[in-house]
Protein backbone atom coordinates (compact mmCIF):
# COMPACT_ATOMS: atom_id res chain seq x y z
CA LEU A 1 1.50 -7.85 -0.97
CA TYR A 2 -1.11 -7.12 -3.62
CA SER A 3 -1.52 -10.80 -4.48
CA ALA A 4 -2.04 -11.63 -0.79
CA VAL A 5 -4.63 -8.89 -0.34
CA MET A 6 -6.46 -9.96 -3.51
CA GLU A 7 -6.10 -13.64 -2.53
CA ARG A 8 -4.67 -14.47 -5.96
CA LYS A 9 -1.42 -16.30 -6.57
CA VAL A 10 1.31 -15.07 -8.88
CA LYS A 11 2.14 -17.21 -11.91
CA PRO A 12 5.25 -19.29 -11.24
CA CYS A 13 8.62 -18.16 -12.59
CA MET A 14 7.61 -14.47 -12.81
CA ALA A 15 9.16 -11.52 -11.01
CA MET A 16 9.33 -7.75 -11.07
CA THR A 17 11.80 -5.13 -9.99
CA GLY A 18 11.38 -1.42 -9.57
CA GLU A 19 10.24 1.09 -7.03
CA LEU A 20 6.52 1.74 -6.80
CA THR A 21 4.94 5.06 -5.95
CA LEU A 22 1.71 5.26 -3.96
CA ARG A 23 -0.03 6.07 -7.24
CA GLY A 24 1.28 2.93 -8.93
CA ARG A 25 4.09 4.32 -11.07
CA VAL A 26 7.04 1.99 -11.59
CA LEU A 27 10.25 3.98 -11.12
CA ALA A 28 13.68 3.23 -12.59
CA ILE A 29 16.21 1.26 -10.57
CA GLY A 30 19.94 0.61 -10.52
CA GLY A 31 21.80 -2.69 -10.40
CA LEU A 32 19.65 -4.21 -13.12
CA LYS A 33 22.31 -6.64 -14.36
CA GLU A 34 22.76 -8.16 -10.91
CA LYS A 35 19.01 -8.39 -10.37
CA LEU A 36 18.47 -10.18 -13.68
CA LEU A 37 21.31 -12.61 -13.00
CA ALA A 38 19.84 -13.37 -9.56
CA ALA A 39 16.39 -13.89 -11.09
CA LYS A 40 17.81 -16.32 -13.64
CA ALA A 41 19.66 -18.22 -10.92
CA ALA A 42 16.37 -18.54 -9.01
CA GLY A 43 14.61 -20.03 -12.04
CA VAL A 44 12.65 -16.94 -13.06
CA THR A 45 11.76 -16.89 -16.77
CA ASP A 46 9.88 -13.56 -17.01
CA VAL A 47 10.85 -10.28 -15.34
CA PHE A 48 9.03 -6.97 -15.37
CA VAL A 49 11.31 -3.95 -15.19
CA PRO A 50 10.60 -0.21 -15.26
CA GLU A 51 10.11 1.18 -18.76
CA GLU A 52 12.70 3.82 -17.88
CA ASN A 53 15.33 1.05 -17.71
CA GLN A 54 14.98 0.03 -21.40
CA ARG A 55 18.29 1.69 -22.27
CA ASP A 56 20.02 -0.24 -19.48
CA VAL A 57 18.64 -3.54 -20.78
CA ALA A 58 19.82 -2.73 -24.31
CA GLU A 59 23.36 -2.21 -22.98
CA LEU A 60 23.48 -5.60 -21.20
CA GLU A 61 25.48 -8.48 -22.63
CA GLU A 62 23.49 -11.10 -24.55
CA GLU A 63 24.46 -13.69 -21.93
CA VAL A 64 22.57 -11.72 -19.27
CA ARG A 65 19.44 -11.29 -21.45
CA LYS A 66 19.48 -14.87 -22.77
CA ASP A 67 16.79 -17.28 -21.49
CA ILE A 68 14.77 -14.59 -19.71
CA ALA A 69 11.85 -12.59 -21.10
CA ILE A 70 12.03 -8.94 -20.11
CA HIS A 71 8.80 -6.94 -20.04
CA TYR A 72 8.53 -3.19 -19.45
CA ALA A 73 5.96 -1.33 -17.37
CA LYS A 74 5.15 2.27 -16.48
CA LYS A 75 2.30 1.48 -14.08
CA VAL A 76 1.97 -1.47 -11.71
CA ASP A 77 -1.56 -2.30 -12.93
CA GLU A 78 0.01 -3.29 -16.28
CA ILE A 79 1.94 -5.94 -14.36
CA TRP A 80 -0.95 -7.31 -12.25
CA LYS A 81 -2.95 -8.13 -15.37
CA GLN A 82 -0.19 -10.39 -16.62
CA ILE A 83 1.19 -12.08 -13.52
CA LEU A 84 -1.80 -12.92 -11.33
CA LEU A 85 -3.51 -16.28 -11.75
CA PRO A 86 -7.29 -16.24 -12.25
CA GLU A 87 -9.49 -15.75 -9.22
CA LYS A 88 -10.61 -18.77 -7.21
CA ARG A 89 -14.12 -19.89 -8.02
């Protein structure tokens, strides 16, 4: 929604998962393994996950973590800076 409001596209092959608060905090989620496997199957190469899920990522099998870059975030504005393409000129 944010990219649509800002009229800026998201870089291809990037995704995020997590619950967002109205103040922009990224909250921990469950089912991370399944979400990462689905992202890989869809061709996603970079995924942003809640920082609180670092322990869950560390416990995942190497096969799940292979070929996908996992980035951690506490606040959603950390994500926007990295995934939005430059503004139209």
